C-alpha atoms as a PDB file:
ATOM      1  CA  MET A   1     -21.920  -7.777 -20.110  1.00  0.00           C
ATOM      2  CA  LEU A   2     -20.075  -4.705 -18.893  1.00  0.00           C
ATOM      3  CA  GLU A   3     -22.382  -1.694 -19.236  1.00  0.00           C
ATOM      4  CA  PRO A   4     -21.163   1.580 -17.744  1.00  0.00           C
ATOM      5  CA  THR A   5     -23.616   4.296 -16.745  1.00  0.00           C
ATOM      6  CA  VAL A   6     -23.085   7.331 -19.061  1.00  0.00           C
ATOM      7  CA  ASN A   7     -26.013   9.400 -18.106  1.00  0.00           C
ATOM      8  CA  ASP A   8     -25.808  12.517 -15.999  1.00  0.00           C
ATOM      9  CA  VAL A   9     -24.968  10.789 -12.704  1.00  0.00           C
ATOM     10  CA  PHE A  10     -22.056  13.300 -12.311  1.00  0.00           C
ATOM     11  CA  VAL A  11     -21.468  16.370 -14.489  1.00  0.00           C
ATOM     12  CA  PHE A  12     -19.110  19.297 -14.575  1.00  0.00           C
ATOM     13  CA  PRO A  13     -17.657  21.794 -17.077  1.00  0.00           C
ATOM     14  CA  ASP A  14     -15.504  19.895 -19.579  1.00  0.00           C
ATOM     15  CA  PRO A  15     -11.801  20.665 -18.947  1.00  0.00           C
ATOM     16  CA  ARG A  16     -10.598  19.129 -22.178  1.00  0.00           C
ATOM     17  CA  VAL A  17      -9.164  21.565 -24.700  1.00  0.00           C
ATOM     18  CA  SER A  18     -10.482  21.371 -28.200  1.00  0.00           C
ATOM     19  CA  ASN A  19     -10.255  23.609 -31.309  1.00  0.00           C
ATOM     20  CA  ASP A  20     -13.942  23.001 -32.113  1.00  0.00           C
ATOM     21  CA  ARG A  21     -15.201  23.967 -28.671  1.00  0.00           C
ATOM     22  CA  LYS A  22     -15.610  27.756 -28.292  1.00  0.00           C
ATOM     23  CA  GLU A  23     -17.008  27.591 -24.769  1.00  0.00           C
ATOM     24  CA  SER A  24     -17.071  25.151 -21.915  1.00  0.00           C
ATOM     25  CA  GLN A  25     -19.901  22.691 -21.910  1.00  0.00           C
ATOM     26  CA  GLU A  26     -21.259  20.331 -19.255  1.00  0.00           C
ATOM     27  CA  ILE A  27     -20.065  16.775 -19.665  1.00  0.00           C
ATOM     28  CA  GLY A  28     -20.768  13.574 -17.865  1.00  0.00           C
ATOM     29  CA  ILE A  29     -18.089  11.934 -15.746  1.00  0.00           C
ATOM     30  CA  VAL A  30     -17.497   8.215 -15.439  1.00  0.00           C
ATOM     31  CA  ALA A  31     -15.474   7.894 -12.227  1.00  0.00           C
ATOM     32  CA  PHE A  32     -13.771   4.639 -11.411  1.00  0.00           C
ATOM     33  CA  TYR A  33     -11.125   3.142  -9.155  1.00  0.00           C
ATOM     34  CA  TYR A  34     -11.840  -0.532  -8.153  1.00  0.00           C
ATOM     35  CA  PRO A  35      -8.898  -1.255  -5.754  1.00  0.00           C
ATOM     36  CA  GLY A  36     -10.040  -4.929  -5.511  1.00  0.00           C
ATOM     37  CA  TYR A  37     -13.593  -3.996  -4.424  1.00  0.00           C
ATOM     38  CA  GLU A  38     -16.315  -1.784  -5.782  1.00  0.00           C
ATOM     39  CA  THR A  39     -16.186   1.810  -4.557  1.00  0.00           C
ATOM     40  CA  LEU A  40     -19.130   4.215  -4.407  1.00  0.00           C
ATOM     41  CA  PHE A  41     -18.194   5.682  -7.760  1.00  0.00           C
ATOM     42  CA  ASP A  42     -17.583   2.334  -9.388  1.00  0.00           C
ATOM     43  CA  HIS A  43     -21.076   1.376  -8.301  1.00  0.00           C
ATOM     44  CA  ALA A  44     -22.796   4.600  -9.337  1.00  0.00           C
ATOM     45  CA  CYS A  45     -21.082   4.660 -12.733  1.00  0.00           C
ATOM     46  CA  ARG A  46     -20.953   0.881 -13.223  1.00  0.00           C
ATOM     47  CA  SER A  47     -17.317   1.407 -14.105  1.00  0.00           C
ATOM     48  CA  SER A  48     -15.359  -1.173 -12.095  1.00  0.00           C
ATOM     49  CA  PHE A  49     -14.055  -2.691 -15.311  1.00  0.00           C
ATOM     50  CA  LEU A  50     -11.975   0.418 -15.925  1.00  0.00           C
ATOM     51  CA  GLY A  51      -9.900  -0.107 -12.731  1.00  0.00           C
ATOM     52  CA  ASN A  52      -6.580  -1.858 -13.302  1.00  0.00           C
ATOM     53  CA  PHE A  53      -7.230  -4.278 -10.421  1.00  0.00           C
ATOM     54  CA  TYR A  54     -10.541  -5.470 -12.041  1.00  0.00           C
ATOM     55  CA  HIS A  55     -10.535  -9.220 -12.710  1.00  0.00           C
ATOM     56  CA  LEU A  56     -11.242  -9.697 -16.413  1.00  0.00           C
ATOM     57  CA  GLY A  57     -10.780 -13.442 -16.396  1.00  0.00           C
ATOM     58  CA  PRO A  58      -7.919 -15.771 -17.176  1.00  0.00           C
ATOM     59  CA  GLY A  59      -5.937 -14.718 -20.220  1.00  0.00           C
ATOM     60  CA  ALA A  60      -7.901 -11.502 -20.832  1.00  0.00           C
ATOM     61  CA  VAL A  61      -4.827  -9.289 -21.115  1.00  0.00           C
ATOM     62  CA  LYS A  62      -2.328 -10.677 -23.591  1.00  0.00           C
ATOM     63  CA  LEU A  63       0.939  -8.891 -23.761  1.00  0.00           C
ATOM     64  CA  SER A  64       4.374  -9.253 -25.240  1.00  0.00           C
ATOM     65  CA  ALA A  65       7.178  -6.753 -24.676  1.00  0.00           C
ATOM     66  CA  PRO A  66      10.006  -5.255 -26.810  1.00  0.00           C
ATOM     67  CA  ALA A  67      12.544  -6.819 -24.415  1.00  0.00           C
ATOM     68  CA  CYS A  68      11.359 -10.299 -25.496  1.00  0.00           C
ATOM     69  CA  PRO A  69       8.981  -9.953 -28.451  1.00  0.00           C
ATOM     70  CA  ASP A  70       8.567 -13.692 -29.186  1.00  0.00           C
ATOM     71  CA  VAL A  71       7.053 -14.387 -25.765  1.00  0.00           C
ATOM     72  CA  GLU A  72       3.509 -13.512 -24.814  1.00  0.00           C
ATOM     73  CA  TYR A  73       2.007 -13.692 -21.368  1.00  0.00           C
ATOM     74  CA  SER A  74      -1.693 -13.593 -20.441  1.00  0.00           C
ATOM     75  CA  PHE A  75      -2.954 -11.843 -17.324  1.00  0.00           C
ATOM     76  CA  CYS A  76      -6.229 -11.688 -15.470  1.00  0.00           C
ATOM     77  CA  ASN A  77      -6.088  -7.943 -14.858  1.00  0.00           C
ATOM     78  CA  ALA A  78      -4.204  -4.881 -16.022  1.00  0.00           C
ATOM     79  CA  GLU A  79      -2.383  -4.305 -12.758  1.00  0.00           C
ATOM     80  CA  ALA A  80      -0.608  -7.695 -12.888  1.00  0.00           C
ATOM     81  CA  ALA A  81       0.354  -6.988 -16.512  1.00  0.00           C
ATOM     82  CA  PHE A  82       1.772  -3.564 -15.568  1.00  0.00           C
ATOM     83  CA  GLN A  83       3.710  -4.738 -12.528  1.00  0.00           C
ATOM     84  CA  ALA A  84       5.086  -7.722 -14.521  1.00  0.00           C
ATOM     85  CA  LEU A  85       6.691  -5.255 -16.970  1.00  0.00           C
ATOM     86  CA  LYS A  86       9.057  -4.301 -14.176  1.00  0.00           C
ATOM     87  CA  TYR A  87      10.148  -7.930 -13.758  1.00  0.00           C
ATOM     88  CA  TRP A  88       9.544  -9.385 -17.261  1.00  0.00           C
ATOM     89  CA  ASP A  89      11.882 -12.346 -16.697  1.00  0.00           C
ATOM     90  CA  GLN A  90       9.374 -13.433 -13.969  1.00  0.00           C
ATOM     91  CA  ALA A  91       6.221 -12.358 -15.784  1.00  0.00           C
ATOM     92  CA  LYS A  92       4.749 -15.879 -15.839  1.00  0.00           C
ATOM     93  CA  SER A  93       4.354 -15.698 -12.094  1.00  0.00           C
ATOM     94  CA  TYR A  94       2.021 -12.686 -12.521  1.00  0.00           C
ATOM     95  CA  GLU A  95      -0.343 -14.309 -15.000  1.00  0.00           C
ATOM     96  CA  TYR A  96      -2.946 -15.619 -12.520  1.00  0.00           C
ATOM     97  CA  ILE A  97      -2.582 -13.322  -9.567  1.00  0.00           C
ATOM     98  CA  SER A  98      -5.022 -10.593  -8.551  1.00  0.00           C
ATOM     99  CA  GLY A  99      -4.341  -6.861  -8.915  1.00  0.00           C
ATOM    100  CA  GLU A 100      -3.948  -6.608  -5.172  1.00  0.00           C
ATOM    101  CA  GLU A 101      -1.408  -9.406  -5.082  1.00  0.00           C
ATOM    102  CA  ALA A 102       0.540  -7.733  -7.966  1.00  0.00           C
ATOM    103  CA  PHE A 103       0.616  -4.447  -6.168  1.00  0.00           C
ATOM    104  CA  GLU A 104       1.740  -6.033  -2.910  1.00  0.00           C
ATOM    105  CA  ARG A 105       4.405  -7.966  -4.725  1.00  0.00           C
ATOM    106  CA  LYS A 106       5.703  -4.695  -6.195  1.00  0.00           C
ATOM    107  CA  LYS A 107       6.131  -3.308  -2.697  1.00  0.00           C
ATOM    108  CA  TRP A 108       7.907  -6.481  -1.562  1.00  0.00           C
ATOM    109  CA  ARG A 109      10.177  -6.577  -4.585  1.00  0.00           C
ATOM    110  CA  ARG A 110      11.263  -2.971  -4.029  1.00  0.00           C
ATOM    111  CA  ASN A 111      13.228  -4.315  -1.039  1.00  0.00           C
ATOM    112  CA  VAL A 112      14.796  -7.348  -2.712  1.00  0.00           C
ATOM    113  CA  GLY A 113      15.594  -6.366  -6.291  1.00  0.00           C
ATOM    114  CA  LYS A 114      15.785  -3.719  -8.918  1.00  0.00           C
ATOM    115  CA  ALA A 115      12.773  -3.034 -11.064  1.00  0.00           C
ATOM    116  CA  ASP A 116      13.322  -2.654 -14.759  1.00  0.00           C
ATOM    117  CA  ARG A 117      12.579   1.022 -15.336  1.00  0.00           C
ATOM    118  CA  SER A 118      12.500   0.402 -19.086  1.00  0.00           C
ATOM    119  CA  TYR A 119       9.235  -1.528 -18.421  1.00  0.00           C
ATOM    120  CA  ALA A 120      10.426  -4.516 -20.433  1.00  0.00           C
ATOM    121  CA  GLY A 121      11.655  -2.328 -23.287  1.00  0.00           C
ATOM    122  CA  PHE A 122       8.618   0.005 -23.615  1.00  0.00           C
ATOM    123  CA  GLY A 123      10.861   2.800 -22.299  1.00  0.00           C
ATOM    124  CA  SER A 124       8.749   4.362 -19.531  1.00  0.00           C
ATOM    125  CA  ASN A 125       5.882   3.792 -17.185  1.00  0.00           C
ATOM    126  CA  TRP A 126       3.681   5.852 -19.528  1.00  0.00           C
ATOM    127  CA  ALA A 127       4.516   3.750 -22.623  1.00  0.00           C
ATOM    128  CA  GLY A 128       4.229   0.553 -20.551  1.00  0.00           C
ATOM    129  CA  MET A 129       0.738   1.526 -19.326  1.00  0.00           C
ATOM    130  CA  ARG A 130      -0.310   2.422 -22.901  1.00  0.00           C
ATOM    131  CA  ALA A 131       0.712  -1.066 -23.997  1.00  0.00           C
ATOM    132  CA  VAL A 132      -1.205  -2.705 -21.140  1.00  0.00           C
ATOM    133  CA  LEU A 133      -4.299  -0.668 -21.835  1.00  0.00           C
ATOM    134  CA  ALA A 134      -4.085  -1.583 -25.590  1.00  0.00           C
ATOM    135  CA  ALA A 135      -4.002  -5.190 -24.545  1.00  0.00           C
ATOM    136  CA  LYS A 136      -6.799  -4.820 -22.009  1.00  0.00           C
ATOM    137  CA  PHE A 137      -9.072  -3.000 -24.472  1.00  0.00           C
ATOM    138  CA  VAL A 138      -8.219  -5.046 -27.602  1.00  0.00           C
ATOM    139  CA  SER A 139     -10.767  -4.524 -30.311  1.00  0.00           C
ATOM    140  CA  GLY A 140     -13.840  -6.724 -29.937  1.00  0.00           C
ATOM    141  CA  SER A 141     -13.216  -7.657 -26.357  1.00  0.00           C
ATOM    142  CA  PRO A 142     -15.934  -7.050 -23.715  1.00  0.00           C
ATOM    143  CA  ALA A 143     -13.789  -4.421 -22.057  1.00  0.00           C
ATOM    144  CA  ALA A 144     -13.309  -2.609 -25.329  1.00  0.00           C
ATOM    145  CA  GLU A 145     -17.036  -2.608 -26.116  1.00  0.00           C
ATOM    146  CA  ALA A 146     -17.797  -1.296 -22.657  1.00  0.00           C
ATOM    147  CA  LEU A 147     -15.104   1.427 -23.004  1.00  0.00           C
ATOM    148  CA  ILE A 148     -16.751   2.546 -26.278  1.00  0.00           C
ATOM    149  CA  GLN A 149     -20.094   2.750 -24.364  1.00  0.00           C
ATOM    150  CA  THR A 150     -18.599   5.505 -22.195  1.00  0.00           C
ATOM    151  CA  CYS A 151     -18.927   7.676 -25.321  1.00  0.00           C
ATOM    152  CA  ASP A 152     -17.321  11.095 -24.837  1.00  0.00           C
ATOM    153  CA  THR A 153     -17.652  11.297 -21.083  1.00  0.00           C
ATOM    154  CA  PHE A 154     -14.722  12.379 -18.925  1.00  0.00           C
ATOM    155  CA  LEU A 155     -13.060   9.283 -17.469  1.00  0.00           C
ATOM    156  CA  LEU A 156     -11.772   9.996 -13.966  1.00  0.00           C
ATOM    157  CA  GLU A 157      -9.744   7.598 -11.823  1.00  0.00           C
ATOM    158  CA  HIS A 158     -11.010   8.823  -8.450  1.00  0.00           C
ATOM    159  CA  ASN A 159      -8.660   7.477  -5.803  1.00  0.00           C
ATOM    160  CA  VAL A 160     -10.149   6.739  -2.423  1.00  0.00           C
ATOM    161  CA  LYS A 161      -7.189   7.994  -0.325  1.00  0.00           C
ATOM    162  CA  LEU A 162      -5.579  11.369  -0.448  1.00  0.00           C
ATOM    163  CA  GLY A 163      -1.826  11.147  -1.197  1.00  0.00           C
ATOM    164  CA  ARG A 164      -1.944   7.608  -2.618  1.00  0.00           C
ATOM    165  CA  ASP A 165      -1.444   8.530  -6.277  1.00  0.00           C
ATOM    166  CA  THR A 166      -1.060  11.955  -7.891  1.00  0.00           C
ATOM    167  CA  PHE A 167       0.076  10.596 -11.312  1.00  0.00           C
ATOM    168  CA  TRP A 168      -2.447   8.014 -12.517  1.00  0.00           C
ATOM    169  CA  SER A 169      -5.475   9.231 -10.464  1.00  0.00           C
ATOM    170  CA  ASP A 170      -7.093  12.546  -9.320  1.00  0.00           C
ATOM    171  CA  ASN A 171      -5.460  11.948  -5.847  1.00  0.00           C
ATOM    172  CA  CYS A 172      -8.950  11.821  -4.281  1.00  0.00           C
ATOM    173  CA  ASP A 173      -9.113  15.614  -4.216  1.00  0.00           C
ATOM    174  CA  GLY A 174      -9.138  16.438  -7.931  1.00  0.00           C
ATOM    175  CA  GLU A 175      -5.533  17.695  -7.868  1.00  0.00           C
ATOM    176  CA  GLY A 176      -3.914  14.609  -9.397  1.00  0.00           C
ATOM    177  CA  LYS A 177      -3.069  14.335 -13.084  1.00  0.00           C
ATOM    178  CA  ASN A 178      -5.539  11.471 -13.891  1.00  0.00           C
ATOM    179  CA  PHE A 179      -3.249  10.048 -16.541  1.00  0.00           C
ATOM    180  CA  LEU A 180      -4.979   6.654 -16.377  1.00  0.00           C
ATOM    181  CA  GLY A 181      -8.347   8.145 -17.162  1.00  0.00           C
ATOM    182  CA  ARG A 182      -6.834  10.334 -19.902  1.00  0.00           C
ATOM    183  CA  ASN A 183      -5.026   7.318 -21.373  1.00  0.00           C
ATOM    184  CA  PHE A 184      -8.233   5.338 -22.001  1.00  0.00           C
ATOM    185  CA  ARG A 185      -9.339   7.602 -24.861  1.00  0.00           C
ATOM    186  CA  LYS A 186      -6.203   6.517 -26.740  1.00  0.00           C
ATOM    187  CA  SER A 187      -7.501   2.934 -26.556  1.00  0.00           C
ATOM    188  CA  ILE A 188     -10.589   3.735 -28.591  1.00  0.00           C
ATOM    189  CA  PRO A 189     -10.188   3.483 -32.390  1.00  0.00           C
ATOM    190  CA  SER A 190     -10.220   6.999 -33.824  1.00  0.00           C
ATOM    191  CA  ASN A 191     -12.973   6.138 -36.323  1.00  0.00           C
ATOM    192  CA  THR A 192     -15.418   5.156 -33.521  1.00  0.00           C
ATOM    193  CA  LYS A 193     -18.732   7.067 -33.774  1.00  0.00           C
ATOM    194  CA  PHE A 194     -20.523   7.937 -30.535  1.00  0.00           C
END
């Protein structure tokens, strides 16, 4: 069972804007990264499952795309599913590979062919990632139940190397946009009670 730590391992003033919050309050952080191995923050927060490279098991992330809606592929991790969106005609070859292999394949393919920047018809990397996360955290799955257990904590993809990623993570220094961590909340049903 996936069980994140949501106690006060790490706290800071909540940066999220809300109409019902008049002043800043302290909030817990669930930091994660899991680049194919458990980082210090993954261990402390028991949050490895949030990382896109985390192996969820064969067929755990089932995804079809607007470019070919009648075909569904099943992936072992979210990274493979996301990278496959750039080469949907070859998505089957991503079904059983690790997140690390998918990421390396992306770097190799950059040199040999054009990636589909429509992300198999989703329209953008943002929309493609939203679809992948919806598939990863499908209602009733172990990943979805664990995500719900994070309650209202701030989810932070804490990269382990400065300069590696300023878009999806905090860039290791807190200056990145953390769009992956921010996107997870959209995967929790709005009627969920914490």
